[in-house]
Amino acid sequence: MKLPAIAAMLIAAGVWAAGPLQAATITGCLKGPNPEGVYDLTHSKQKGEIEVGGNSGLAEHVGHTVQLTGEWVKSGADIGEKEAAGHEEANERHFKVSSIKHLAAGCK
């Protein structure tokens, strides 16, 4: 199976690891919620932010370094993003969170 280009970039940056059944793990600093109602994950080795959502526990970890497990999804709607129909940005990345692991109380 060939990985999407974004997945290959995230693996190379050390922010993503694939496991069985397409489960993925990403690590970074959690911010938010943003105006669209989802959270942003940033990582010092990765340009831009990844929009994450789909887990009510995210609110407890804002401003913390976390490890998120879940799956990449195609649409912001899949993670609860409240964006006007047809206004999705081409470069947005969306990650639906199934579990959260707290790594540190702050972000570097």
Protein backbone atom coordinates (compact mmCIF):
# COMPACT_ATOMS: atom_id res chain seq x y z
CA MET A 1 0.00 0.00 0.00
CA LYS A 2 1.35 3.42 -0.96
CA LEU A 3 1.19 6.17 1.69
CA PRO A 4 -0.21 9.58 0.77
CA ALA A 5 2.46 12.26 0.31
CA ILE A 6 1.44 14.08 3.51
CA ALA A 7 1.83 10.87 5.53
CA ALA A 8 5.31 10.31 4.12
CA MET A 9 6.28 13.87 5.07
CA LEU A 10 4.93 13.45 8.61
CA ILE A 11 6.78 10.16 9.07
CA ALA A 12 10.01 11.78 7.87
CA ALA A 13 9.48 14.68 10.30
CA GLY A 14 9.02 12.23 13.19
CA VAL A 15 5.48 13.38 13.95
CA TRP A 16 3.51 10.43 12.68
CA ALA A 17 3.72 6.66 12.93
CA ALA A 18 1.35 4.29 11.19
CA GLY A 19 0.07 1.15 12.83
CA PRO A 20 -2.36 -1.62 11.97
CA LEU A 21 -5.77 -0.73 10.50
CA GLN A 22 -4.61 2.72 9.42
CA ALA A 23 -4.36 3.98 13.01
CA ALA A 24 -1.93 6.88 13.27
CA THR A 25 -0.15 8.70 16.09
CA ILE A 26 0.83 12.37 15.98
CA THR A 27 2.62 14.41 18.64
CA GLY A 28 2.72 18.14 19.27
CA CYS A 29 1.36 21.17 21.08
CA LEU A 30 -2.43 21.41 21.30
CA LYS A 31 -4.07 24.82 20.79
CA GLY A 32 -7.66 25.92 20.48
CA PRO A 33 -10.42 25.61 19.92
CA ASN A 34 -10.18 27.69 16.76
CA PRO A 35 -13.10 29.71 15.29
CA GLU A 36 -14.20 26.60 13.39
CA GLY A 37 -14.68 24.71 16.67
CA VAL A 38 -11.76 22.27 16.35
CA TYR A 39 -8.24 22.21 17.78
CA ASP A 40 -4.85 22.78 16.17
CA LEU A 41 -1.79 20.62 16.73
CA THR A 42 1.63 22.09 15.99
CA HIS A 43 5.02 20.42 15.98
CA SER A 44 8.42 22.09 15.78
CA LYS A 45 9.50 19.79 12.93
CA GLN A 46 6.33 20.25 10.89
CA LYS A 47 5.23 23.36 8.97
CA GLY A 48 1.69 24.52 9.58
CA GLU A 49 -0.94 23.08 11.84
CA ILE A 50 -3.05 19.96 11.79
CA GLU A 51 -6.72 20.42 12.66
CA VAL A 52 -7.78 17.77 15.17
CA GLY A 53 -11.15 16.92 16.71
CA GLY A 54 -13.70 14.25 17.40
CA ASN A 55 -12.77 13.74 21.07
CA SER A 56 -14.29 15.74 23.96
CA GLY A 57 -11.14 15.21 26.06
CA LEU A 58 -9.10 17.57 23.88
CA ALA A 59 -10.29 20.62 25.87
CA GLU A 60 -8.46 19.35 28.98
CA HIS A 61 -5.10 19.35 27.16
CA VAL A 62 -4.97 22.80 25.52
CA GLY A 63 -1.49 24.28 25.93
CA HIS A 64 0.01 20.85 26.60
CA THR A 65 2.26 18.55 24.59
CA VAL A 66 0.20 15.50 23.67
CA GLN A 67 0.34 12.32 21.65
CA LEU A 68 -2.86 11.77 19.70
CA THR A 69 -3.97 8.47 18.25
CA GLY A 70 -6.64 8.29 15.58
CA GLU A 71 -7.04 8.48 11.84
CA TRP A 72 -6.57 10.95 8.99
CA VAL A 73 -9.88 12.06 7.50
CA LYS A 74 -10.65 13.90 4.27
CA SER A 75 -13.02 16.53 5.57
CA GLY A 76 -13.19 18.93 8.49
CA ALA A 77 -16.80 17.84 8.94
CA ASP A 78 -15.46 14.43 10.00
CA ILE A 79 -13.87 16.02 13.08
CA GLY A 80 -16.71 18.43 13.91
CA GLU A 81 -15.36 21.46 12.07
CA LYS A 82 -17.98 24.17 11.58
CA GLU A 83 -16.94 25.60 8.22
CA ALA A 84 -19.22 26.93 5.51
CA ALA A 85 -19.92 24.34 2.82
CA GLY A 86 -17.44 24.48 -0.03
CA HIS A 87 -14.98 26.69 1.85
CA GLU A 88 -12.51 24.00 2.86
CA GLU A 89 -8.91 25.04 2.29
CA ALA A 90 -6.92 22.77 -0.01
CA ASN A 91 -3.93 22.44 2.33
CA GLU A 92 -5.84 21.72 5.53
CA ARG A 93 -5.07 18.42 7.22
CA HIS A 94 -7.68 16.79 9.49
CA PHE A 95 -7.14 14.15 12.15
CA LYS A 96 -9.96 12.41 14.07
CA VAL A 97 -8.73 11.67 17.59
CA SER A 98 -9.61 8.37 19.28
CA SER A 99 -7.24 8.68 22.27
CA ILE A 100 -5.04 11.29 23.97
CA LYS A 101 -1.80 10.76 25.89
CA HIS A 102 -0.55 13.70 27.96
CA LEU A 103 3.22 14.13 27.54
CA ALA A 104 3.99 17.50 29.18
CA ALA A 105 2.17 20.36 30.89
CA GLY A 106 3.54 22.94 28.45
CA CYS A 107 4.76 23.29 24.91
CA LYS A 108 8.32 23.84 23.71
